[in-house]
């Protein structure tokens, strides 16, 4: 089996495994106690904090260990907002933040707070100018991830931090995806991360609050971790997380160069091998190990199952792979195709020859898997446009396709089948109530060069351009 979902999580780094086993013998006692066992546990905890702080680029007393990256983000948002409640109640987030940040924003809004969302471009990147516009007036907190978890696009954290500093607004950075590759530069105020993203054990998160940031943790007080993370510290896991972060950082530059070359190969080859495939995300300013693409006329869940049967573990942002049947909020914000979406994220540490063979085998298997899914769905063959006959020519006023009750990618497939039945300038109206249609029909129009005229309710209007 070839595991290519490293952006979701990776297995224990060998150094983490060794540190975990060793610290299980020494780190079981309460580090708050003055006896010998407690002092030994405290020494392990303090050493792990110093090691991690050095890797992050902060002071040890600014760093708190939490039970997850999600808890770190939730605590960061709620506590910074509470600490700055006299300044204002506006929270600024990008449209592509991790769901943990967006859920925290929803909670803030439900309690009467204001949330301002910053749009991104088609690569998934937010601009410093857009943040500057969103920071007008009293703002309590701004949030910006260092790199996107779905498409790998890196964000201009340093530039946005400068804008925030000029306005006196703290910046929270979700650095979960990028910490394995290096520290986050810039004058950020609060930062969060998660150990299972870099080869540490699950259940360890990082919360960094730089000195001078107003921070008031809501809820019952706890003496652990400066009152920012309640409960007994999992010292063996924390020690393993710190050891693995130091280990992956030592290998980061070489691994980044190696994985970037393989990702470049996938980015170049997928559009050549698979008709109507769109590679998304910034082609240059991106994480070295992530590549995401979408395939027209493909059911994302069926494609993932087909790849899994061939021995490849990958991820997807397609709506048809989600229990909510809504497309990824990241792909929606970018305005790119969501159907048939595949995210490949290569794991660091895999031997070069083995990883190259996996990539080549993936590229060999992918076209057939996509073709099989399209054939089962009755998707049109690329390049085939039915000619307008006498009867069809009378449809210059347009025709309507009823795709109500049908899930992605069927509405787009039905549109593609009939677009040639109207003359150039003719209009096709697609009736569709699948949430993904709002993203995929405009994306299909852009890929095919037709004009999307807009949507009203469940009616989507498309003008044939050629």
Protein backbone atom coordinates (compact mmCIF):
# COMPACT_ATOMS: atom_id res chain seq x y z
CA UNK A 1 0.00 0.00 0.00
CA UNK A 2 1.34 3.46 -0.93
CA UNK A 3 0.42 6.07 1.67
CA UNK A 4 0.06 9.48 0.01
CA UNK A 5 -2.00 11.37 2.59
CA UNK A 6 0.75 12.92 4.69
CA UNK A 7 -1.13 16.23 4.97
CA UNK A 8 -3.73 14.43 7.10
CA UNK A 9 -1.16 12.77 9.32
CA UNK A 10 1.99 10.67 9.22
CA UNK A 11 3.23 7.70 11.18
CA UNK A 12 5.61 8.02 14.10
CA UNK A 13 9.06 9.19 13.14
CA UNK A 14 11.68 6.62 14.28
CA UNK A 15 13.14 9.20 16.67
CA UNK A 16 9.68 9.82 18.13
CA UNK A 17 9.19 6.12 18.69
CA UNK A 18 12.48 5.81 20.56
CA UNK A 19 11.79 8.91 22.66
CA UNK A 20 8.29 7.73 23.50
CA UNK A 21 9.45 4.34 24.71
CA UNK A 22 12.30 5.81 26.74
CA UNK A 23 10.16 8.50 28.40
CA UNK A 24 7.45 6.03 29.37
CA UNK A 25 9.90 4.77 32.01
CA UNK A 26 10.82 8.22 33.31
CA UNK A 27 7.96 10.60 32.56
CA UNK A 28 4.97 9.08 34.29
CA UNK A 29 5.02 11.14 37.52
CA UNK A 30 3.36 14.48 38.24
CA UNK A 31 5.79 17.22 37.14
CA UNK A 32 4.26 19.61 39.67
CA UNK A 33 5.45 17.53 42.63
CA UNK A 34 8.81 18.18 44.39
CA UNK A 35 9.78 14.54 44.91
CA UNK A 36 12.43 12.76 42.85
CA UNK A 37 10.01 11.22 40.34
CA UNK A 38 8.21 14.54 39.91
CA UNK A 39 11.49 16.40 39.38
CA UNK A 40 12.52 13.85 36.74
CA UNK A 41 9.22 14.30 34.93
CA UNK A 42 9.59 18.09 35.17
CA UNK A 43 13.05 17.92 33.62
CA UNK A 44 11.70 15.94 30.67
CA UNK A 45 8.82 18.38 30.19
CA UNK A 46 11.06 21.44 30.41
CA UNK A 47 13.59 19.97 27.98
CA UNK A 48 10.82 19.16 25.50
CA UNK A 49 9.46 22.70 25.81
CA UNK A 50 12.88 24.23 25.16
CA UNK A 51 13.51 21.98 22.15
CA UNK A 52 10.11 22.77 20.65
CA UNK A 53 10.38 26.50 21.35
CA UNK A 54 13.74 26.61 19.55
CA UNK A 55 12.17 24.94 16.50
CA UNK A 56 9.16 27.25 16.53
CA UNK A 57 11.16 30.40 17.15
CA UNK A 58 9.70 31.53 20.46
CA UNK A 59 10.55 31.64 24.16
CA UNK A 60 9.92 28.45 26.17
CA UNK A 61 7.58 30.28 28.53
CA UNK A 62 5.46 31.36 25.54
CA UNK A 63 4.75 27.76 24.50
CA UNK A 64 1.96 25.57 25.85
CA UNK A 65 1.33 21.91 25.06
CA UNK A 66 -2.30 21.07 24.35
CA UNK A 67 -4.13 17.84 23.57
CA UNK A 68 -4.49 18.64 19.84
CA UNK A 69 -4.01 21.29 17.20
CA UNK A 70 -7.77 21.81 17.18
CA UNK A 71 -7.81 22.54 20.91
CA UNK A 72 -4.92 24.94 20.44
CA UNK A 73 -6.80 26.84 17.73
CA UNK A 74 -10.09 26.93 19.65
CA UNK A 75 -8.30 28.15 22.79
CA UNK A 76 -6.31 30.70 20.80
CA UNK A 77 -9.35 32.24 19.13
CA UNK A 78 -11.56 32.33 22.23
CA UNK A 79 -8.83 33.55 24.58
CA UNK A 80 -7.46 36.30 22.33
CA UNK A 81 -10.97 37.57 21.65
CA UNK A 82 -11.71 37.54 25.39
CA UNK A 83 -8.47 39.31 26.19
CA UNK A 84 -9.21 42.05 23.69
CA UNK A 85 -12.96 42.39 24.21
CA UNK A 86 -12.58 46.08 25.15
CA UNK A 87 -10.87 46.76 21.81
CA UNK A 88 -13.68 45.36 19.66
CA UNK A 89 -15.50 42.17 18.74
CA UNK A 90 -14.51 41.78 15.08
CA UNK A 91 -12.67 38.62 14.03
CA UNK A 92 -10.96 38.49 10.61
CA UNK A 93 -10.35 35.11 8.94
CA UNK A 94 -9.42 33.99 5.46
CA UNK A 95 -11.98 31.99 3.50
CA UNK A 96 -9.64 28.98 3.38
CA UNK A 97 -8.79 28.59 7.06
CA UNK A 98 -8.95 25.14 8.62
CA UNK A 99 -12.42 24.18 9.80
CA UNK A 100 -11.23 24.44 13.42
CA UNK A 101 -10.75 28.19 12.95
CA UNK A 102 -14.00 28.61 11.02
CA UNK A 103 -15.95 26.70 13.69
CA UNK A 104 -14.48 28.97 16.34
CA UNK A 105 -15.54 31.94 14.20
CA UNK A 106 -19.08 30.57 13.99
CA UNK A 107 -19.22 30.29 17.78
CA UNK A 108 -18.02 33.88 18.11
CA UNK A 109 -20.64 35.08 15.63
CA UNK A 110 -23.42 33.12 17.36
CA UNK A 111 -22.51 34.90 20.61
CA UNK A 112 -22.99 38.29 18.94
CA UNK A 113 -19.50 38.88 17.60
CA UNK A 114 -18.59 40.06 14.11
CA UNK A 115 -16.74 37.87 11.62
CA UNK A 116 -15.12 39.31 8.50
CA UNK A 117 -13.99 36.83 5.86
CA UNK A 118 -11.15 37.65 3.48
CA UNK A 119 -11.49 36.22 -0.03
CA UNK A 120 -8.67 34.41 -1.82
CA UNK A 121 -7.62 34.27 -5.46
CA UNK A 122 -7.89 31.23 -7.70
CA UNK A 123 -4.64 29.79 -6.27
CA UNK A 124 -6.03 29.99 -2.74
CA UNK A 125 -3.86 32.91 -1.66
CA UNK A 126 -5.10 35.86 0.41
CA UNK A 127 -3.57 39.26 -0.28
CA UNK A 128 -2.15 41.65 2.33
CA UNK A 129 -4.26 44.42 0.78
CA UNK A 130 -7.43 42.40 1.37
CA UNK A 131 -6.43 41.96 5.01
CA UNK A 132 -5.72 45.67 5.31
CA UNK A 133 -9.23 46.43 4.07
CA UNK A 134 -10.75 43.93 6.51
CA UNK A 135 -8.87 45.46 9.45
CA UNK A 136 -10.64 48.81 9.21
CA UNK A 137 -12.25 49.82 12.49
CA UNK A 138 -11.93 48.01 15.82
CA UNK A 139 -10.70 44.44 15.30
CA UNK A 140 -9.85 42.03 18.10
CA UNK A 141 -8.03 39.31 16.15
CA UNK A 142 -6.95 38.30 12.66
CA UNK A 143 -6.26 34.69 11.59
CA UNK A 144 -4.21 33.38 8.67
CA UNK A 145 -2.87 29.88 8.12
CA UNK A 146 0.78 29.58 7.09
CA UNK A 147 -0.04 27.07 4.32
CA UNK A 148 -3.28 25.55 3.14
CA UNK A 149 -4.06 22.01 4.20
CA UNK A 150 -5.93 21.07 0.99
CA UNK A 151 -3.99 22.64 -1.88
CA UNK A 152 -0.63 23.48 -0.30
CA UNK A 153 -0.66 27.20 -1.11
CA UNK A 154 1.57 29.23 1.19
CA UNK A 155 0.16 32.45 2.58
CA UNK A 156 1.96 35.81 2.90
CA UNK A 157 2.10 35.61 6.68
CA UNK A 158 5.00 38.05 7.06
CA UNK A 159 3.30 40.75 4.99
CA UNK A 160 -0.05 40.28 6.70
CA UNK A 161 1.68 40.38 10.10
CA UNK A 162 3.14 43.78 9.18
CA UNK A 163 -0.32 45.05 8.24
CA UNK A 164 -1.72 43.73 11.52
CA UNK A 165 1.11 45.31 13.52
CA UNK A 166 0.42 48.69 11.92
CA UNK A 167 -3.21 48.42 13.08
CA UNK A 168 -2.34 47.03 16.51
CA UNK A 169 -4.16 43.74 15.82
CA UNK A 170 -2.69 40.36 16.90
CA UNK A 171 -2.30 37.72 14.21
CA UNK A 172 -3.05 34.05 14.90
CA UNK A 173 -1.25 31.62 12.58
CA UNK A 174 -2.35 28.03 12.06
CA UNK A 175 1.04 26.49 11.30
CA UNK A 176 0.01 22.83 11.42
CA UNK A 177 0.99 22.09 7.82
CA UNK A 178 4.23 24.06 7.70
CA UNK A 179 6.07 23.55 11.00
CA UNK A 180 7.77 20.40 9.74
CA UNK A 181 9.45 22.47 7.02
CA UNK A 182 10.59 25.46 9.05
CA UNK A 183 9.59 28.22 11.48
CA UNK A 184 6.93 30.74 10.53
CA UNK A 185 8.58 34.07 9.83
CA UNK A 186 7.07 37.43 10.65
CA UNK A 187 5.63 39.24 13.61
CA UNK A 188 2.75 36.92 14.40
CA UNK A 189 1.30 37.01 17.92
CA UNK A 190 -0.27 33.56 18.43
CA UNK A 191 0.54 30.25 16.73
CA UNK A 192 -0.86 26.73 16.77
CA UNK A 193 0.44 23.38 15.52
CA UNK A 194 -0.17 19.64 15.75
CA UNK A 195 2.46 16.95 16.31
CA UNK A 196 0.87 14.22 14.19
CA UNK A 197 1.53 16.37 11.11
CA UNK A 198 5.32 16.06 11.52
CA UNK A 199 5.72 12.50 12.80
CA UNK A 200 4.97 13.02 16.47
CA UNK A 201 2.25 11.08 18.30
CA UNK A 202 -1.40 12.10 17.96
CA UNK A 203 -2.84 14.00 20.91
CA UNK A 204 -0.15 16.68 21.20
CA UNK A 205 -0.75 20.23 20.03
CA UNK A 206 1.17 23.48 20.35
CA UNK A 207 -0.12 26.86 21.44
CA UNK A 208 2.31 29.79 21.39
CA UNK A 209 1.33 33.18 22.79
CA UNK A 210 4.00 35.81 22.42
CA UNK A 211 4.64 38.17 25.30
CA UNK A 212 2.51 41.28 25.23
CA UNK A 213 -0.50 39.60 23.60
CA UNK A 214 -3.68 40.04 25.60
CA UNK A 215 -4.92 36.53 26.31
CA UNK A 216 -7.67 35.51 28.74
CA UNK A 217 -8.64 31.83 28.77
CA UNK A 218 -12.39 31.50 29.35
CA UNK A 219 -13.83 28.79 31.57
CA UNK A 220 -12.57 27.23 34.81
CA UNK A 221 -8.97 27.97 35.73
CA UNK A 222 -6.33 25.22 35.84
CA UNK A 223 -2.80 25.45 37.18
CA UNK A 224 -1.39 23.27 34.37
CA UNK A 225 0.42 24.81 31.37
CA UNK A 226 0.08 28.39 32.63
CA UNK A 227 -3.67 27.90 32.80
CA UNK A 228 -3.97 27.60 29.03
CA UNK A 229 -4.42 23.82 28.68
CA UNK A 230 -6.19 21.99 31.51
CA UNK A 231 -5.33 18.50 32.61
CA UNK A 232 -2.31 16.33 33.31
CA UNK A 233 0.46 16.66 30.72
CA UNK A 234 1.14 13.59 28.58
CA UNK A 235 4.88 13.83 29.09
CA UNK A 236 5.96 10.77 27.04
CA UNK A 237 3.96 11.99 24.04
CA UNK A 238 5.24 15.55 24.47
CA UNK A 239 8.84 14.36 24.62
CA UNK A 240 8.31 12.27 21.48
CA UNK A 241 6.71 15.23 19.70
CA UNK A 242 9.64 17.50 20.53
CA UNK A 243 12.21 14.91 19.47
CA UNK A 244 10.49 14.25 16.16
CA UNK A 245 10.15 17.96 15.35
CA UNK A 246 13.88 18.43 15.88
CA UNK A 247 14.60 15.36 13.74
CA UNK A 248 12.40 16.36 10.80
CA UNK A 249 13.81 19.89 10.87
CA UNK A 250 17.31 18.47 10.48
CA UNK A 251 16.15 16.69 7.32
CA UNK A 252 13.75 19.38 6.07
CA UNK A 253 15.81 21.09 3.37
CA UNK A 254 16.89 17.87 1.69
CA UNK A 255 13.43 16.34 1.96
CA UNK A 256 11.76 19.47 0.60
CA UNK A 257 13.97 19.48 -2.50
CA UNK A 258 13.41 15.77 -3.08
CA UNK A 259 9.63 15.85 -2.64
CA UNK A 260 9.21 19.06 -4.61
CA UNK A 261 10.77 17.36 -7.62
CA UNK A 262 8.30 14.46 -7.41
CA UNK A 263 5.36 16.81 -6.91
CA UNK A 264 6.46 18.83 -9.94
CA UNK A 265 6.39 15.60 -11.91
CA UNK A 266 2.80 14.89 -10.82
CA UNK A 267 1.73 18.48 -11.53
CA UNK A 268 3.11 18.28 -15.07
CA UNK A 269 2.01 14.75 -15.93
CA UNK A 270 -1.57 14.64 -14.64
CA UNK A 271 -2.96 17.13 -17.23
CA UNK A 272 -1.07 15.24 -19.95
CA UNK A 273 -2.36 11.83 -18.90
CA UNK A 274 -5.92 12.69 -17.84
CA UNK A 275 -8.16 14.72 -20.17
CA UNK A 276 -10.04 17.54 -18.43
CA UNK A 277 -7.95 17.48 -15.28
CA UNK A 278 -7.17 20.75 -13.51
CA UNK A 279 -4.23 21.10 -11.10
CA UNK A 280 -5.11 23.65 -8.40
CA UNK A 281 -3.14 25.69 -5.89
CA UNK A 282 -0.22 28.06 -6.32
CA UNK A 283 2.35 26.50 -8.68
CA UNK A 284 5.32 28.15 -6.94
CA UNK A 285 4.48 29.38 -3.43
CA UNK A 286 3.39 26.05 -1.99
CA UNK A 287 4.33 23.26 0.38
CA UNK A 288 6.88 20.90 -1.17
CA UNK A 289 4.92 17.69 -0.69
CA UNK A 290 1.32 18.55 -1.68
CA UNK A 291 -0.40 18.50 -5.08
CA UNK A 292 -4.14 18.69 -5.67
CA UNK A 293 -6.08 18.23 -8.89
CA UNK A 294 -9.70 17.83 -9.97
CA UNK A 295 -11.06 15.65 -12.78
CA UNK A 296 -14.12 16.71 -14.74
CA UNK A 297 -17.09 14.30 -14.91
CA UNK A 298 -15.79 12.19 -12.02
CA UNK A 299 -17.39 11.08 -8.77
CA UNK A 300 -14.71 11.81 -6.18
CA UNK A 301 -15.69 9.00 -3.84
CA UNK A 302 -15.68 6.43 -6.65
CA UNK A 303 -12.24 7.64 -7.76
CA UNK A 304 -10.80 7.40 -4.24
CA UNK A 305 -12.16 3.87 -3.88
CA UNK A 306 -10.67 2.92 -7.26
CA UNK A 307 -7.27 4.28 -6.24
CA UNK A 308 -7.51 2.55 -2.88
CA UNK A 309 -8.12 -0.77 -4.63
CA UNK A 310 -4.94 -0.12 -6.61
CA UNK A 311 -3.04 0.41 -3.37
CA UNK A 312 -2.98 4.22 -3.04
CA UNK A 313 -4.16 6.12 0.04
CA UNK A 314 -5.01 9.68 -1.01
CA UNK A 315 -7.49 12.33 0.10
CA UNK A 316 -10.19 14.47 -1.54
CA UNK A 317 -12.14 17.69 -1.14
CA UNK A 318 -14.98 16.57 -3.42
CA UNK A 319 -18.49 16.91 -2.05
CA UNK A 320 -19.32 13.33 -2.97
CA UNK A 321 -16.72 12.08 -0.49
CA UNK A 322 -18.30 14.02 2.38
CA UNK A 323 -21.24 13.03 4.55
CA UNK A 324 -22.49 16.62 4.25
CA UNK A 325 -22.55 16.43 0.43
CA UNK A 326 -21.08 19.93 0.21
CA UNK A 327 -17.85 20.69 -1.60
CA UNK A 328 -14.70 21.67 0.25
CA UNK A 329 -14.92 25.23 1.53
CA UNK A 330 -11.36 25.72 0.28
CA UNK A 331 -12.15 24.74 -3.31
CA UNK A 332 -15.36 26.77 -3.16
CA UNK A 333 -13.49 29.88 -2.00
CA UNK A 334 -10.96 29.43 -4.80
CA UNK A 335 -13.69 29.03 -7.42
CA UNK A 336 -12.14 25.90 -8.89
CA UNK A 337 -13.60 22.56 -9.94
CA UNK A 338 -14.47 20.36 -6.96
CA UNK A 339 -15.66 17.16 -8.62
CA UNK A 340 -13.18 14.31 -8.93
CA UNK A 341 -10.81 16.08 -6.55
CA UNK A 342 -7.66 14.27 -5.38
CA UNK A 343 -5.03 15.50 -2.93
CA UNK A 344 -1.68 13.71 -3.02
CA UNK A 345 0.67 14.53 -0.14
CA UNK A 346 3.93 12.62 -0.15
CA UNK A 347 5.40 11.42 3.16
CA UNK A 348 8.90 12.51 4.07
CA UNK A 349 11.39 9.84 5.03
CA UNK A 350 10.35 7.29 2.41
CA UNK A 351 13.39 5.96 0.50
CA UNK A 352 13.86 7.78 -2.81
CA UNK A 353 13.66 4.71 -5.04
CA UNK A 354 10.52 3.46 -3.35
CA UNK A 355 8.81 6.86 -3.52
CA UNK A 356 9.71 7.33 -7.19
CA UNK A 357 8.26 3.91 -8.00
CA UNK A 358 5.09 4.80 -6.09
CA UNK A 359 4.70 8.09 -7.99
CA UNK A 360 5.26 6.44 -11.37
CA UNK A 361 2.82 3.64 -10.56
CA UNK A 362 0.26 6.22 -9.39
CA UNK A 363 0.61 8.09 -12.69
CA UNK A 364 0.22 4.82 -14.58
CA UNK A 365 -2.92 3.79 -12.68
CA UNK A 366 -4.69 7.17 -12.52
CA UNK A 367 -5.81 7.53 -16.18
CA UNK A 368 -7.51 4.13 -16.20
CA UNK A 369 -9.20 4.77 -12.86
CA UNK A 370 -10.58 8.10 -14.09
CA UNK A 371 -11.68 6.59 -17.39
CA UNK A 372 -13.54 3.75 -15.67
CA UNK A 373 -15.42 6.14 -13.38
CA UNK A 374 -16.37 8.39 -16.30
CA UNK A 375 -17.62 5.45 -18.35
CA UNK A 376 -19.82 4.25 -15.50
CA UNK A 377 -21.33 7.74 -15.24
CA UNK A 378 -21.87 8.05 -18.98
CA UNK A 379 -19.66 11.11 -19.26
CA UNK A 380 -19.17 12.64 -22.74
CA UNK A 381 -15.98 11.91 -24.63
CA UNK A 382 -13.67 14.89 -24.88
CA UNK A 383 -13.77 16.63 -28.22
CA UNK A 384 -17.24 15.35 -29.11
CA UNK A 385 -19.71 18.16 -29.67
CA UNK A 386 -22.99 17.14 -31.29
CA UNK A 387 -23.81 19.11 -34.41
CA UNK A 388 -26.91 21.26 -34.36
CA UNK A 389 -29.42 19.72 -36.77
CA UNK A 390 -32.61 21.32 -38.04
CA UNK A 391 -34.63 20.55 -34.92
CA UNK A 392 -31.86 21.62 -32.58
CA UNK A 393 -31.37 24.80 -34.53
CA UNK A 394 -34.86 25.83 -33.55
CA UNK A 395 -33.69 25.76 -29.94
CA UNK A 396 -31.89 29.09 -30.29
CA UNK A 397 -34.03 30.39 -27.43
CA UNK A 398 -32.44 27.70 -25.25
CA UNK A 399 -33.26 24.42 -23.60
CA UNK A 400 -33.58 23.17 -20.03
CA UNK A 401 -31.90 20.19 -18.38
CA UNK A 402 -33.58 18.80 -15.26
CA UNK A 403 -30.89 17.48 -12.92
CA UNK A 404 -32.81 18.06 -9.69
CA UNK A 405 -32.08 15.44 -7.08
CA UNK A 406 -28.88 14.35 -8.85
CA UNK A 407 -25.51 14.63 -7.15
CA UNK A 408 -22.16 15.72 -8.54
CA UNK A 409 -20.87 15.23 -11.14
CA UNK A 410 -24.16 14.35 -12.88
CA UNK A 411 -25.47 17.95 -13.38
CA UNK A 412 -22.27 18.92 -15.19
CA UNK A 413 -22.31 15.73 -17.25
CA UNK A 414 -25.89 16.43 -18.33
CA UNK A 415 -24.91 19.99 -19.26
CA UNK A 416 -21.94 18.77 -21.31
CA UNK A 417 -24.12 16.31 -23.20
CA UNK A 418 -26.56 18.97 -24.44
CA UNK A 419 -24.45 22.10 -24.90
CA UNK A 420 -23.95 21.18 -28.55
CA UNK A 421 -27.72 20.98 -29.07
CA UNK A 422 -28.01 24.75 -29.03
CA UNK A 423 -26.33 27.04 -31.56
CA UNK A 424 -23.51 29.37 -30.61
CA UNK A 425 -25.13 32.06 -28.46
CA UNK A 426 -27.87 29.70 -27.34
CA UNK A 427 -28.56 29.19 -23.65
CA UNK A 428 -28.84 26.01 -21.61
CA UNK A 429 -30.58 26.18 -18.23
CA UNK A 430 -29.59 23.47 -15.77
CA UNK A 431 -31.93 22.76 -12.87
CA UNK A 432 -29.79 21.39 -10.04
CA UNK A 433 -30.12 21.37 -6.26
CA UNK A 434 -26.79 19.72 -5.49
CA UNK A 435 -24.64 22.19 -3.54
CA UNK A 436 -21.59 21.37 -5.67
CA UNK A 437 -23.34 22.63 -8.80
CA UNK A 438 -22.82 26.21 -7.62
CA UNK A 439 -19.11 25.65 -7.88
CA UNK A 440 -18.74 23.08 -10.63
CA UNK A 441 -20.99 24.58 -13.33
CA UNK A 442 -19.12 27.93 -13.37
CA UNK A 443 -15.80 26.03 -13.20
CA UNK A 444 -16.88 23.86 -16.17
CA UNK A 445 -17.77 26.99 -18.13
CA UNK A 446 -14.34 28.46 -17.52
CA UNK A 447 -12.63 25.21 -18.54
CA UNK A 448 -14.75 24.90 -21.70
CA UNK A 449 -14.82 28.58 -22.66
CA UNK A 450 -18.59 29.01 -22.31
CA UNK A 451 -20.27 31.93 -20.53
CA UNK A 452 -21.83 31.35 -17.12
CA UNK A 453 -24.75 33.76 -16.93
CA UNK A 454 -25.50 33.21 -13.26
CA UNK A 455 -27.83 31.25 -11.03
CA UNK A 456 -31.23 31.98 -9.60
CA UNK A 457 -32.33 29.47 -7.02
CA UNK A 458 -31.75 26.05 -8.56
CA UNK A 459 -31.55 27.36 -12.15
CA UNK A 460 -28.10 27.79 -13.69
CA UNK A 461 -27.84 29.51 -17.07
CA UNK A 462 -24.99 28.86 -19.53
CA UNK A 463 -24.48 30.47 -22.95
CA UNK A 464 -22.67 28.43 -25.57
CA UNK A 465 -19.66 30.37 -26.82
CA UNK A 466 -18.26 28.02 -29.43
